[in-house]
Amino acid sequence: MCVERVQRMLTAIMLGFVMMAAGMGMVKVAFLLQLFIMIMLLIWAFTNFCPSIYMLSKILPPCNFDKKES
């Protein structure tokens, strides 16, 4: 696994938790999780710095999308 793929999977898992919390009636928790995800994505969009990729890059290698995997 590589950093960017793991980060995308973690984002999808967090969105799943938001859906689960909303479905179980925990609207405040769902709102706060969704707000957190939105803030992180906005930070990434405006500064080109993603805190989760920064932290994950300390333990995982970067993805080499230019190389063809076989």
C-alpha atoms as a PDB file:
ATOM      1  CA  MET A   1       0.000   0.000   0.000  1.00  0.00           C
ATOM      2  CA  CYS A   2       1.048   3.556  -0.573  1.00  0.00           C
ATOM      3  CA  VAL A   3       0.191   6.866   1.079  1.00  0.00           C
ATOM      4  CA  GLU A   4      -2.279   8.338  -1.401  1.00  0.00           C
ATOM      5  CA  ARG A   5      -4.312   5.133  -1.727  1.00  0.00           C
ATOM      6  CA  VAL A   6      -4.491   4.649   2.042  1.00  0.00           C
ATOM      7  CA  GLN A   7      -5.576   8.280   2.456  1.00  0.00           C
ATOM      8  CA  ARG A   8      -8.403   7.800  -0.065  1.00  0.00           C
ATOM      9  CA  MET A   9      -9.511   4.623   1.707  1.00  0.00           C
ATOM     10  CA  LEU A  10      -9.502   6.413   5.075  1.00  0.00           C
ATOM     11  CA  THR A  11     -11.608   9.230   3.606  1.00  0.00           C
ATOM     12  CA  ALA A  12     -14.111   6.694   2.289  1.00  0.00           C
ATOM     13  CA  ILE A  13     -14.214   4.955   5.674  1.00  0.00           C
ATOM     14  CA  MET A  14     -14.821   8.273   7.447  1.00  0.00           C
ATOM     15  CA  LEU A  15     -17.682   9.055   5.053  1.00  0.00           C
ATOM     16  CA  GLY A  16     -19.081   5.611   5.845  1.00  0.00           C
ATOM     17  CA  PHE A  17     -18.982   6.450   9.549  1.00  0.00           C
ATOM     18  CA  VAL A  18     -20.852   9.682   8.784  1.00  0.00           C
ATOM     19  CA  MET A  19     -23.560   7.710   6.972  1.00  0.00           C
ATOM     20  CA  MET A  20     -23.737   5.170   9.818  1.00  0.00           C
ATOM     21  CA  ALA A  21     -24.009   7.890  12.462  1.00  0.00           C
ATOM     22  CA  ALA A  22     -26.724   9.688  10.503  1.00  0.00           C
ATOM     23  CA  GLY A  23     -28.606   6.435   9.974  1.00  0.00           C
ATOM     24  CA  MET A  24     -28.489   5.632  13.671  1.00  0.00           C
ATOM     25  CA  GLY A  25     -29.882   9.041  14.559  1.00  0.00           C
ATOM     26  CA  MET A  26     -26.636  10.515  15.863  1.00  0.00           C
ATOM     27  CA  VAL A  27     -27.014  13.645  13.759  1.00  0.00           C
ATOM     28  CA  LYS A  28     -24.641  15.785  15.853  1.00  0.00           C
ATOM     29  CA  VAL A  29     -21.843  13.231  15.546  1.00  0.00           C
ATOM     30  CA  ALA A  30     -22.477  12.887  11.809  1.00  0.00           C
ATOM     31  CA  PHE A  31     -22.422  16.668  11.406  1.00  0.00           C
ATOM     32  CA  LEU A  32     -19.146  17.030  13.312  1.00  0.00           C
ATOM     33  CA  LEU A  33     -17.445  14.231  11.360  1.00  0.00           C
ATOM     34  CA  GLN A  34     -18.649  15.694   8.071  1.00  0.00           C
ATOM     35  CA  LEU A  35     -17.430  19.151   9.114  1.00  0.00           C
ATOM     36  CA  PHE A  36     -14.009  17.706   9.984  1.00  0.00           C
ATOM     37  CA  ILE A  37     -13.744  16.021   6.568  1.00  0.00           C
ATOM     38  CA  MET A  38     -14.783  19.216   4.788  1.00  0.00           C
ATOM     39  CA  ILE A  39     -12.213  21.320   6.665  1.00  0.00           C
ATOM     40  CA  MET A  40      -9.430  18.839   5.890  1.00  0.00           C
ATOM     41  CA  LEU A  41     -10.352  18.819   2.188  1.00  0.00           C
ATOM     42  CA  LEU A  42     -10.466  22.616   2.089  1.00  0.00           C
ATOM     43  CA  ILE A  43      -7.033  22.837   3.718  1.00  0.00           C
ATOM     44  CA  TRP A  44      -5.738  20.406   1.095  1.00  0.00           C
ATOM     45  CA  ALA A  45      -7.375  22.356  -1.747  1.00  0.00           C
ATOM     46  CA  PHE A  46      -6.155  25.810  -0.745  1.00  0.00           C
ATOM     47  CA  THR A  47      -2.665  24.991   0.535  1.00  0.00           C
ATOM     48  CA  ASN A  48      -1.827  21.743  -1.308  1.00  0.00           C
ATOM     49  CA  PHE A  49      -0.960  20.332   2.133  1.00  0.00           C
ATOM     50  CA  CYS A  50      -2.888  17.359   3.454  1.00  0.00           C
ATOM     51  CA  PRO A  51      -2.250  16.645   7.140  1.00  0.00           C
ATOM     52  CA  SER A  52      -3.273  12.989   6.820  1.00  0.00           C
ATOM     53  CA  ILE A  53      -0.906  12.402   3.883  1.00  0.00           C
ATOM     54  CA  TYR A  54       1.848  14.139   5.848  1.00  0.00           C
ATOM     55  CA  MET A  55       1.335  11.827   8.844  1.00  0.00           C
ATOM     56  CA  LEU A  56       0.910   8.680   6.740  1.00  0.00           C
ATOM     57  CA  SER A  57       4.050   9.437   4.704  1.00  0.00           C
ATOM     58  CA  LYS A  58       6.104   8.845   7.844  1.00  0.00           C
ATOM     59  CA  ILE A  59       5.152   5.142   7.826  1.00  0.00           C
ATOM     60  CA  LEU A  60       4.192   4.378   4.196  1.00  0.00           C
ATOM     61  CA  PRO A  61       5.961   4.928   0.871  1.00  0.00           C
ATOM     62  CA  PRO A  62       4.569   7.374  -1.703  1.00  0.00           C
ATOM     63  CA  CYS A  63       2.659   6.052  -4.703  1.00  0.00           C
ATOM     64  CA  ASN A  64       4.515   5.873  -7.986  1.00  0.00           C
ATOM     65  CA  PHE A  65       1.678   6.530 -10.409  1.00  0.00           C
ATOM     66  CA  ASP A  66       4.123   7.238 -13.269  1.00  0.00           C
ATOM     67  CA  LYS A  67       5.505   3.708 -13.244  1.00  0.00           C
ATOM     68  CA  LYS A  68       3.464   0.955 -14.838  1.00  0.00           C
ATOM     69  CA  GLU A  69       2.824  -1.787 -12.301  1.00  0.00           C
ATOM     70  CA  SER A  70       2.965  -5.349 -13.560  1.00  0.00           C
END
